[in-house]
Amino acid sequence: MKRIALRFESIQQVVGNNELSVIVLTDEARQHALAVICDAAITRQFLLRLQHPDHCKNMLPEALVQMLPGRCEMMIYGLHDGQYQVVLADEAFEHNVRIRMSDAVLLSLISKTPLYIEETLFQRQSIPFEEDARGIAIPINTMDMPRLNVALQQAIEEENYELASQLRDELKRRKKQES
C-alpha cells in the first residue's frame, strides 16, 4: 500500500460557526490539501500550541509524548460515516489503537509523529492547495449526519438546489448503509 506523508498547514475557524474549525493538511510538496473538521475544544488545543508553545511544555499531552516507547506513526486508512479512520501504531504494527483524526493531527504537531494517508484515499479526498486561498472546501463525505442535515437546510434556505441535491444524496447513501 502506497502512502503519503501529511504536514499540518493551518487551522481556520468556519465562517458563521464558532464551534467548528477546519484543519488544513498538505502533502510534503504542498500540492494538495486535505480538510478536517474539528470542534472548539481541539481548536483551543491547537491555538494554545501555535500561539504559546512555551506554556505547553509541562502539559499532559507533551509529557505523555515523552513517555512513548520507541517510534510510532499514524495512518489514515479510510472514511466511515463522515469520519476519517486513523490508527496510531508502533513501527512494527504490533501494537495499535484507533484515534480521532483531529487528535492524530494534534499528536503529530506536538510529537512530530509521522502522519500518513493511504494514497488512493488522499487522491479521492484532497483538493489542489492554494497557499493564499481565503477558505477551503470541505468534502461532503467527511461531514457527520447532524452537520449534513444543517448544511442541507442552509442550502435549501439559500436556494442552492445543486448543493442541496448532493447533500440529500449523501444522507440517503448513509441511511441505506445503516440498514
N, C-alpha and C. Protein backbone atom coordinates (compact mmCIF):
# COMPACT_ATOMS: atom_id res chain seq x y z
N MET A 1 0.84 -1.17 0.00
CA MET A 1 0.00 0.00 0.00
C MET A 1 0.90 1.24 0.00
N LYS A 2 0.63 2.12 -0.96
CA LYS A 2 1.38 3.37 -1.02
C LYS A 2 0.75 4.37 -0.07
N ARG A 3 1.60 5.17 0.53
CA ARG A 3 1.10 6.17 1.46
C ARG A 3 1.79 7.51 1.23
N ILE A 4 1.14 8.55 1.70
CA ILE A 4 1.64 9.91 1.52
C ILE A 4 1.78 10.54 2.90
N ALA A 5 2.92 11.17 3.15
CA ALA A 5 3.13 11.88 4.41
C ALA A 5 2.38 13.21 4.37
N LEU A 6 1.74 13.53 5.48
CA LEU A 6 1.00 14.78 5.58
C LEU A 6 1.68 15.72 6.55
N ARG A 7 1.47 17.01 6.31
CA ARG A 7 2.00 18.02 7.23
C ARG A 7 0.89 18.99 7.59
N PHE A 8 0.95 19.47 8.82
CA PHE A 8 -0.02 20.46 9.28
C PHE A 8 0.28 21.78 8.59
N GLU A 9 -0.76 22.39 8.04
CA GLU A 9 -0.60 23.66 7.34
C GLU A 9 -1.20 24.81 8.14
N SER A 10 -2.47 24.64 8.56
CA SER A 10 -3.14 25.71 9.30
C SER A 10 -4.42 25.20 9.93
N ILE A 11 -5.00 26.06 10.75
CA ILE A 11 -6.33 25.81 11.30
C ILE A 11 -7.11 27.12 11.13
N GLN A 12 -8.34 26.99 10.64
CA GLN A 12 -9.16 28.17 10.35
C GLN A 12 -10.56 27.94 10.89
N GLN A 13 -11.12 28.98 11.49
CA GLN A 13 -12.49 28.88 12.00
C GLN A 13 -13.47 28.88 10.84
N VAL A 14 -14.52 28.07 10.95
CA VAL A 14 -15.57 28.02 9.94
C VAL A 14 -16.38 29.31 10.06
N VAL A 15 -16.54 30.00 8.96
CA VAL A 15 -17.27 31.26 8.95
C VAL A 15 -18.71 31.02 9.39
N GLY A 16 -19.15 31.83 10.36
CA GLY A 16 -20.52 31.73 10.84
C GLY A 16 -20.76 30.63 11.86
N ASN A 17 -19.69 29.97 12.33
CA ASN A 17 -19.86 28.88 13.29
C ASN A 17 -18.68 28.91 14.27
N ASN A 18 -18.93 29.37 15.49
CA ASN A 18 -17.87 29.46 16.50
C ASN A 18 -17.47 28.11 17.07
N GLU A 19 -18.24 27.08 16.79
CA GLU A 19 -17.98 25.76 17.36
C GLU A 19 -17.11 24.87 16.47
N LEU A 20 -16.89 25.26 15.21
CA LEU A 20 -16.16 24.40 14.28
C LEU A 20 -14.98 25.13 13.65
N SER A 21 -13.94 24.37 13.39
CA SER A 21 -12.80 24.87 12.64
C SER A 21 -12.40 23.81 11.62
N VAL A 22 -11.57 24.23 10.68
CA VAL A 22 -11.06 23.31 9.66
C VAL A 22 -9.54 23.26 9.79
N ILE A 23 -9.03 22.05 9.94
CA ILE A 23 -7.59 21.82 9.94
C ILE A 23 -7.21 21.56 8.50
N VAL A 24 -6.17 22.23 8.02
CA VAL A 24 -5.70 22.04 6.66
C VAL A 24 -4.37 21.29 6.71
N LEU A 25 -4.34 20.14 6.05
CA LEU A 25 -3.14 19.33 5.92
C LEU A 25 -2.73 19.32 4.46
N THR A 26 -1.43 19.24 4.20
CA THR A 26 -0.96 19.14 2.82
C THR A 26 0.03 17.99 2.70
N ASP A 27 0.25 17.58 1.46
CA ASP A 27 1.33 16.64 1.20
C ASP A 27 2.64 17.42 1.37
N GLU A 28 3.76 16.71 1.41
CA GLU A 28 5.04 17.39 1.66
C GLU A 28 5.39 18.40 0.58
N ALA A 29 4.95 18.18 -0.64
CA ALA A 29 5.23 19.12 -1.74
C ALA A 29 4.26 20.30 -1.74
N ARG A 30 3.27 20.26 -0.87
CA ARG A 30 2.26 21.32 -0.75
C ARG A 30 1.51 21.52 -2.06
N GLN A 31 1.21 20.43 -2.74
CA GLN A 31 0.47 20.47 -3.99
C GLN A 31 -1.03 20.23 -3.76
N HIS A 32 -1.35 19.41 -2.77
CA HIS A 32 -2.75 19.06 -2.49
C HIS A 32 -3.03 19.23 -1.00
N ALA A 33 -4.30 19.56 -0.70
CA ALA A 33 -4.72 19.80 0.68
C ALA A 33 -5.87 18.89 1.06
N LEU A 34 -5.92 18.59 2.34
CA LEU A 34 -6.98 17.78 2.92
C LEU A 34 -7.60 18.61 4.04
N ALA A 35 -8.92 18.71 4.06
CA ALA A 35 -9.63 19.47 5.08
C ALA A 35 -10.21 18.52 6.12
N VAL A 36 -10.02 18.87 7.39
CA VAL A 36 -10.51 18.06 8.50
C VAL A 36 -11.29 18.97 9.45
N ILE A 37 -12.53 18.62 9.73
CA ILE A 37 -13.35 19.42 10.64
C ILE A 37 -13.00 19.05 12.08
N CYS A 38 -12.92 20.07 12.95
CA CYS A 38 -12.70 19.81 14.37
C CYS A 38 -13.57 20.73 15.21
N ASP A 39 -13.76 20.37 16.46
CA ASP A 39 -14.61 21.14 17.36
C ASP A 39 -13.83 22.23 18.09
N ALA A 40 -14.55 23.01 18.88
CA ALA A 40 -13.94 24.15 19.57
C ALA A 40 -12.88 23.71 20.58
N ALA A 41 -13.09 22.58 21.25
CA ALA A 41 -12.13 22.13 22.26
C ALA A 41 -10.77 21.81 21.63
N ILE A 42 -10.77 21.09 20.53
CA ILE A 42 -9.49 20.74 19.89
C ILE A 42 -8.88 21.97 19.23
N THR A 43 -9.73 22.89 18.75
CA THR A 43 -9.22 24.15 18.19
C THR A 43 -8.43 24.91 19.25
N ARG A 44 -8.97 24.97 20.48
CA ARG A 44 -8.25 25.66 21.57
C ARG A 44 -6.89 25.02 21.82
N GLN A 45 -6.84 23.68 21.74
CA GLN A 45 -5.57 22.99 21.96
C GLN A 45 -4.55 23.35 20.88
N PHE A 46 -5.00 23.41 19.64
CA PHE A 46 -4.10 23.80 18.55
C PHE A 46 -3.61 25.23 18.73
N LEU A 47 -4.54 26.14 18.97
CA LEU A 47 -4.17 27.55 19.09
C LEU A 47 -3.22 27.79 20.25
N LEU A 48 -3.43 27.09 21.36
CA LEU A 48 -2.53 27.22 22.50
C LEU A 48 -1.11 26.83 22.10
N ARG A 49 -0.98 25.74 21.38
CA ARG A 49 0.35 25.27 20.99
C ARG A 49 0.98 26.12 19.88
N LEU A 50 0.16 26.68 19.03
CA LEU A 50 0.69 27.52 17.96
C LEU A 50 1.04 28.93 18.44
N GLN A 51 0.24 29.46 19.36
CA GLN A 51 0.44 30.83 19.81
C GLN A 51 1.32 30.94 21.05
N HIS A 52 1.33 29.92 21.91
CA HIS A 52 2.08 29.97 23.16
C HIS A 52 2.77 28.63 23.43
N PRO A 53 3.68 28.22 22.57
CA PRO A 53 4.29 26.88 22.75
C PRO A 53 5.03 26.71 24.08
N ASP A 54 5.59 27.79 24.62
CA ASP A 54 6.30 27.67 25.90
C ASP A 54 5.38 27.32 27.06
N HIS A 55 4.10 27.68 26.96
CA HIS A 55 3.15 27.39 28.03
C HIS A 55 2.76 25.91 28.06
N CYS A 56 3.12 25.18 27.03
CA CYS A 56 2.64 23.79 26.88
C CYS A 56 3.68 22.74 27.28
N LYS A 57 4.87 23.14 27.57
CA LYS A 57 5.94 22.17 27.80
C LYS A 57 5.62 21.13 28.86
N ASN A 58 4.89 21.52 29.91
CA ASN A 58 4.60 20.60 31.01
C ASN A 58 3.16 20.12 31.02
N MET A 59 2.46 20.31 29.92
CA MET A 59 1.08 19.84 29.85
C MET A 59 1.05 18.34 29.62
N LEU A 60 -0.07 17.71 29.96
CA LEU A 60 -0.18 16.25 29.91
C LEU A 60 0.14 15.66 28.54
N PRO A 61 -0.42 16.18 27.43
CA PRO A 61 -0.07 15.55 26.14
C PRO A 61 1.43 15.58 25.84
N GLU A 62 2.08 16.69 26.15
CA GLU A 62 3.52 16.79 25.90
C GLU A 62 4.30 15.84 26.81
N ALA A 63 3.86 15.69 28.07
CA ALA A 63 4.51 14.76 28.99
C ALA A 63 4.33 13.32 28.53
N LEU A 64 3.13 12.98 28.09
CA LEU A 64 2.87 11.61 27.63
C LEU A 64 3.69 11.27 26.38
N VAL A 65 3.86 12.24 25.50
CA VAL A 65 4.67 12.02 24.29
C VAL A 65 6.09 11.63 24.67
N GLN A 66 6.61 12.25 25.71
CA GLN A 66 7.97 11.93 26.15
C GLN A 66 8.06 10.51 26.71
N MET A 67 6.93 9.96 27.14
CA MET A 67 6.91 8.62 27.72
C MET A 67 6.71 7.53 26.68
N LEU A 68 6.36 7.91 25.43
CA LEU A 68 6.13 6.90 24.40
C LEU A 68 7.39 6.08 24.16
N PRO A 69 7.28 4.76 24.25
CA PRO A 69 8.45 3.93 23.97
C PRO A 69 8.68 3.80 22.46
N GLY A 70 9.87 4.06 22.01
CA GLY A 70 10.20 3.89 20.59
C GLY A 70 9.45 4.83 19.68
N ARG A 71 9.55 4.55 18.41
CA ARG A 71 8.89 5.40 17.41
C ARG A 71 7.51 4.87 17.07
N CYS A 72 6.64 5.80 16.80
CA CYS A 72 5.27 5.46 16.39
C CYS A 72 4.96 6.19 15.09
N GLU A 73 3.88 5.81 14.47
CA GLU A 73 3.39 6.53 13.30
C GLU A 73 1.87 6.40 13.28
N MET A 74 1.26 7.26 12.49
CA MET A 74 -0.19 7.23 12.36
C MET A 74 -0.55 7.08 10.89
N MET A 75 -1.62 6.35 10.63
CA MET A 75 -2.04 6.08 9.27
C MET A 75 -3.54 6.33 9.13
N ILE A 76 -3.91 7.16 8.16
CA ILE A 76 -5.31 7.38 7.81
C ILE A 76 -5.61 6.36 6.73
N TYR A 77 -6.51 5.44 7.03
CA TYR A 77 -6.73 4.31 6.12
C TYR A 77 -8.13 4.24 5.52
N GLY A 78 -9.04 5.10 5.98
CA GLY A 78 -10.39 5.02 5.43
C GLY A 78 -11.27 6.16 5.89
N LEU A 79 -12.52 6.07 5.47
CA LEU A 79 -13.53 7.06 5.80
C LEU A 79 -14.83 6.31 6.04
N HIS A 80 -15.44 6.53 7.21
CA HIS A 80 -16.68 5.83 7.54
C HIS A 80 -17.61 6.78 8.28
N ASP A 81 -18.85 6.91 7.81
CA ASP A 81 -19.85 7.79 8.42
C ASP A 81 -19.33 9.21 8.64
N GLY A 82 -18.60 9.72 7.67
CA GLY A 82 -18.12 11.09 7.74
C GLY A 82 -16.89 11.30 8.59
N GLN A 83 -16.28 10.22 9.06
CA GLN A 83 -15.11 10.33 9.93
C GLN A 83 -13.93 9.57 9.31
N TYR A 84 -12.79 10.26 9.25
CA TYR A 84 -11.58 9.57 8.80
C TYR A 84 -11.21 8.52 9.84
N GLN A 85 -10.73 7.38 9.37
CA GLN A 85 -10.30 6.28 10.23
C GLN A 85 -8.78 6.34 10.35
N VAL A 86 -8.29 6.46 11.58
CA VAL A 86 -6.86 6.65 11.83
C VAL A 86 -6.40 5.64 12.87
N VAL A 87 -5.21 5.12 12.66
CA VAL A 87 -4.62 4.21 13.63
C VAL A 87 -3.24 4.75 14.03
N LEU A 88 -2.96 4.71 15.34
CA LEU A 88 -1.65 5.03 15.90
C LEU A 88 -0.98 3.69 16.20
N ALA A 89 0.23 3.50 15.68
CA ALA A 89 0.88 2.19 15.83
C ALA A 89 2.37 2.34 16.05
N ASP A 90 2.96 1.29 16.66
CA ASP A 90 4.41 1.26 16.74
C ASP A 90 4.95 0.90 15.35
N GLU A 91 6.24 1.03 15.16
CA GLU A 91 6.82 0.82 13.82
C GLU A 91 6.54 -0.56 13.25
N ALA A 92 6.49 -1.56 14.09
CA ALA A 92 6.25 -2.93 13.63
C ALA A 92 4.75 -3.25 13.48
N PHE A 93 3.89 -2.32 13.84
CA PHE A 93 2.44 -2.51 13.84
C PHE A 93 2.02 -3.68 14.72
N GLU A 94 2.83 -3.94 15.77
CA GLU A 94 2.46 -4.99 16.73
C GLU A 94 1.40 -4.47 17.70
N HIS A 95 1.47 -3.19 18.03
CA HIS A 95 0.51 -2.56 18.93
C HIS A 95 -0.07 -1.35 18.21
N ASN A 96 -1.41 -1.27 18.21
CA ASN A 96 -2.03 -0.12 17.57
C ASN A 96 -3.36 0.20 18.24
N VAL A 97 -3.79 1.43 18.04
CA VAL A 97 -5.05 1.89 18.60
C VAL A 97 -5.66 2.91 17.63
N ARG A 98 -6.98 2.87 17.49
CA ARG A 98 -7.66 3.85 16.64
C ARG A 98 -7.81 5.15 17.42
N ILE A 99 -7.61 6.28 16.73
CA ILE A 99 -7.79 7.58 17.36
C ILE A 99 -8.54 8.51 16.40
N ARG A 100 -9.10 9.58 16.96
CA ARG A 100 -9.80 10.57 16.13
C ARG A 100 -8.79 11.28 15.24
N MET A 101 -9.25 11.69 14.08
CA MET A 101 -8.39 12.38 13.12
C MET A 101 -7.81 13.67 13.72
N SER A 102 -8.65 14.47 14.37
CA SER A 102 -8.16 15.73 14.93
C SER A 102 -7.11 15.48 16.01
N ASP A 103 -7.29 14.42 16.80
CA ASP A 103 -6.29 14.07 17.81
C ASP A 103 -4.99 13.61 17.17
N ALA A 104 -5.09 12.91 16.05
CA ALA A 104 -3.89 12.46 15.34
C ALA A 104 -3.09 13.66 14.84
N VAL A 105 -3.77 14.65 14.30
CA VAL A 105 -3.07 15.84 13.81
C VAL A 105 -2.42 16.58 14.97
N LEU A 106 -3.14 16.72 16.09
CA LEU A 106 -2.57 17.38 17.26
C LEU A 106 -1.36 16.61 17.78
N LEU A 107 -1.46 15.30 17.86
CA LEU A 107 -0.33 14.48 18.30
C LEU A 107 0.86 14.65 17.37
N SER A 108 0.60 14.69 16.08
CA SER A 108 1.67 14.89 15.11
C SER A 108 2.35 16.25 15.32
N LEU A 109 1.55 17.27 15.57
CA LEU A 109 2.09 18.61 15.81
C LEU A 109 2.94 18.65 17.08
N ILE A 110 2.47 18.00 18.13
CA ILE A 110 3.17 18.01 19.42
C ILE A 110 4.44 17.17 19.36
N SER A 111 4.35 15.99 18.78
CA SER A 111 5.42 14.99 18.90
C SER A 111 6.26 14.77 17.66
N LYS A 112 5.84 15.37 16.55
CA LYS A 112 6.49 15.11 15.26
C LYS A 112 6.32 13.66 14.82
N THR A 113 5.32 12.97 15.38
CA THR A 113 4.99 11.61 14.95
C THR A 113 4.46 11.70 13.52
N PRO A 114 5.03 10.92 12.61
CA PRO A 114 4.58 10.99 11.22
C PRO A 114 3.11 10.62 11.06
N LEU A 115 2.44 11.37 10.19
CA LEU A 115 1.04 11.12 9.87
C LEU A 115 0.96 10.84 8.38
N TYR A 116 0.47 9.65 8.03
CA TYR A 116 0.38 9.24 6.65
C TYR A 116 -1.09 9.02 6.27
N ILE A 117 -1.34 9.05 4.96
CA ILE A 117 -2.65 8.71 4.43
C ILE A 117 -2.46 7.76 3.26
N GLU A 118 -3.35 6.81 3.15
CA GLU A 118 -3.32 5.88 2.04
C GLU A 118 -3.48 6.69 0.75
N GLU A 119 -2.65 6.41 -0.24
CA GLU A 119 -2.55 7.23 -1.44
C GLU A 119 -3.88 7.40 -2.20
N THR A 120 -4.61 6.32 -2.40
CA THR A 120 -5.86 6.46 -3.17
C THR A 120 -6.90 7.26 -2.40
N LEU A 121 -6.91 7.15 -1.08
CA LEU A 121 -7.81 7.94 -0.26
C LEU A 121 -7.45 9.43 -0.38
N PHE A 122 -6.17 9.72 -0.35
CA PHE A 122 -5.71 11.11 -0.48
C PHE A 122 -6.09 11.68 -1.85
N GLN A 123 -5.91 10.89 -2.88
CA GLN A 123 -6.26 11.35 -4.23
C GLN A 123 -7.76 11.63 -4.34
N ARG A 124 -8.56 10.82 -3.68
CA ARG A 124 -10.02 10.98 -3.73
C ARG A 124 -10.49 12.17 -2.90
N GLN A 125 -9.86 12.43 -1.77
CA GLN A 125 -10.34 13.43 -0.82
C GLN A 125 -9.66 14.80 -0.92
N SER A 126 -8.49 14.88 -1.50
CA SER A 126 -7.75 16.14 -1.49
C SER A 126 -8.17 17.05 -2.63
N ILE A 127 -7.81 18.31 -2.47
CA ILE A 127 -8.03 19.33 -3.49
C ILE A 127 -6.70 20.03 -3.73
N PRO A 128 -6.54 20.71 -4.87
CA PRO A 128 -5.29 21.45 -5.08
C PRO A 128 -5.09 22.48 -3.97
N PHE A 129 -3.87 22.58 -3.47
CA PHE A 129 -3.56 23.51 -2.39
C PHE A 129 -3.23 24.87 -2.95
N GLU A 130 -3.86 25.88 -2.39
CA GLU A 130 -3.58 27.27 -2.74
C GLU A 130 -3.20 27.99 -1.45
N GLU A 131 -1.94 28.39 -1.36
CA GLU A 131 -1.45 28.97 -0.11
C GLU A 131 -2.23 30.21 0.32
N ASP A 132 -2.61 31.05 -0.60
CA ASP A 132 -3.28 32.30 -0.26
C ASP A 132 -4.81 32.22 -0.34
N ALA A 133 -5.35 31.02 -0.40
CA ALA A 133 -6.80 30.86 -0.51
C ALA A 133 -7.48 31.41 0.75
N ARG A 134 -8.65 31.98 0.57
CA ARG A 134 -9.39 32.56 1.69
C ARG A 134 -10.20 31.52 2.44
N GLY A 135 -10.32 30.34 1.90
CA GLY A 135 -11.06 29.26 2.54
C GLY A 135 -10.71 27.95 1.87
N ILE A 136 -11.34 26.89 2.34
CA ILE A 136 -11.09 25.57 1.76
C ILE A 136 -12.40 24.79 1.75
N ALA A 137 -12.61 24.03 0.71
CA ALA A 137 -13.81 23.22 0.58
C ALA A 137 -13.73 22.03 1.53
N ILE A 138 -14.86 21.68 2.10
CA ILE A 138 -14.95 20.51 2.97
C ILE A 138 -15.72 19.44 2.21
N PRO A 139 -15.10 18.29 1.93
CA PRO A 139 -15.83 17.24 1.21
C PRO A 139 -17.08 16.81 1.98
N ILE A 140 -18.18 16.64 1.27
CA ILE A 140 -19.44 16.26 1.90
C ILE A 140 -19.30 14.95 2.65
N ASN A 141 -18.51 14.03 2.12
CA ASN A 141 -18.41 12.71 2.76
C ASN A 141 -17.61 12.73 4.05
N THR A 142 -17.07 13.89 4.46
CA THR A 142 -16.38 13.98 5.74
C THR A 142 -17.23 14.69 6.80
N MET A 143 -18.46 15.00 6.46
CA MET A 143 -19.36 15.65 7.41
C MET A 143 -20.19 14.59 8.12
N ASP A 144 -20.39 14.76 9.42
CA ASP A 144 -21.25 13.81 10.13
C ASP A 144 -22.71 14.13 9.83
N MET A 145 -23.60 13.22 10.24
CA MET A 145 -25.02 13.35 9.91
C MET A 145 -25.65 14.66 10.39
N PRO A 146 -25.42 15.08 11.64
CA PRO A 146 -26.03 16.35 12.07
C PRO A 146 -25.56 17.54 11.21
N ARG A 147 -24.27 17.56 10.86
CA ARG A 147 -23.76 18.66 10.04
C ARG A 147 -24.33 18.60 8.62
N LEU A 148 -24.52 17.39 8.11
CA LEU A 148 -25.14 17.25 6.79
C LEU A 148 -26.57 17.81 6.79
N ASN A 149 -27.31 17.50 7.84
CA ASN A 149 -28.69 17.99 7.93
C ASN A 149 -28.75 19.51 8.03
N VAL A 150 -27.85 20.10 8.82
CA VAL A 150 -27.79 21.56 8.94
C VAL A 150 -27.41 22.17 7.60
N ALA A 151 -26.42 21.59 6.94
CA ALA A 151 -25.98 22.11 5.64
C ALA A 151 -27.10 21.99 4.60
N LEU A 152 -27.87 20.91 4.66
CA LEU A 152 -28.99 20.74 3.73
C LEU A 152 -30.03 21.84 3.95
N GLN A 153 -30.40 22.09 5.19
CA GLN A 153 -31.38 23.14 5.47
C GLN A 153 -30.87 24.51 5.01
N GLN A 154 -29.58 24.75 5.23
CA GLN A 154 -29.00 26.04 4.82
C GLN A 154 -28.99 26.16 3.30
N ALA A 155 -28.65 25.09 2.60
CA ALA A 155 -28.64 25.10 1.13
C ALA A 155 -30.04 25.37 0.58
N ILE A 156 -31.04 24.77 1.21
CA ILE A 156 -32.42 24.99 0.77
C ILE A 156 -32.83 26.44 1.01
N GLU A 157 -32.52 26.96 2.20
CA GLU A 157 -32.84 28.36 2.52
C GLU A 157 -32.17 29.33 1.55
N GLU A 158 -30.94 28.99 1.12
CA GLU A 158 -30.20 29.86 0.20
C GLU A 158 -30.53 29.55 -1.26
N GLU A 159 -31.47 28.63 -1.47
CA GLU A 159 -31.89 28.21 -2.81
C GLU A 159 -30.74 27.68 -3.66
N ASN A 160 -29.79 27.03 -3.00
CA ASN A 160 -28.67 26.37 -3.68
C ASN A 160 -29.08 24.91 -3.87
N TYR A 161 -29.91 24.68 -4.88
CA TYR A 161 -30.52 23.37 -5.06
C TYR A 161 -29.54 22.30 -5.54
N GLU A 162 -28.50 22.69 -6.23
CA GLU A 162 -27.50 21.71 -6.65
C GLU A 162 -26.79 21.13 -5.42
N LEU A 163 -26.36 22.01 -4.51
CA LEU A 163 -25.73 21.54 -3.28
C LEU A 163 -26.73 20.75 -2.43
N ALA A 164 -27.96 21.24 -2.34
CA ALA A 164 -28.99 20.54 -1.57
C ALA A 164 -29.18 19.12 -2.10
N SER A 165 -29.16 18.96 -3.40
CA SER A 165 -29.31 17.64 -4.01
C SER A 165 -28.14 16.72 -3.64
N GLN A 166 -26.92 17.26 -3.65
CA GLN A 166 -25.75 16.46 -3.29
C GLN A 166 -25.80 16.05 -1.82
N LEU A 167 -26.21 16.98 -0.97
CA LEU A 167 -26.32 16.68 0.46
C LEU A 167 -27.40 15.64 0.71
N ARG A 168 -28.55 15.78 0.04
CA ARG A 168 -29.64 14.80 0.17
C ARG A 168 -29.16 13.41 -0.25
N ASP A 169 -28.43 13.35 -1.37
CA ASP A 169 -27.94 12.06 -1.86
C ASP A 169 -26.97 11.42 -0.87
N GLU A 170 -26.11 12.22 -0.25
CA GLU A 170 -25.17 11.69 0.74
C GLU A 170 -25.93 11.18 1.97
N LEU A 171 -26.93 11.91 2.41
CA LEU A 171 -27.74 11.45 3.54
C LEU A 171 -28.44 10.13 3.21
N LYS A 172 -29.01 10.02 2.02
CA LYS A 172 -29.67 8.78 1.60
C LYS A 172 -28.68 7.62 1.55
N ARG A 173 -27.49 7.88 1.02
CA ARG A 173 -26.47 6.84 0.91
C ARG A 173 -26.10 6.30 2.29
N ARG A 174 -25.93 7.20 3.25
CA ARG A 174 -25.55 6.77 4.61
C ARG A 174 -26.69 6.03 5.30
N LYS A 175 -27.91 6.50 5.12
CA LYS A 175 -29.05 5.82 5.74
C LYS A 175 -29.20 4.41 5.17
N LYS A 176 -28.94 4.27 3.87
CA LYS A 176 -29.01 2.96 3.23
C LYS A 176 -27.92 2.03 3.79
N GLN A 177 -26.72 2.57 4.04
CA GLN A 177 -25.63 1.76 4.60
C GLN A 177 -25.96 1.28 6.01
N GLU A 178 -26.68 2.11 6.76
CA GLU A 178 -27.03 1.75 8.14
C GLU A 178 -28.01 0.58 8.20
N SER A 179 -28.85 0.45 7.17
CA SER A 179 -29.87 -0.62 7.21
C SER A 179 -29.41 -1.89 6.56
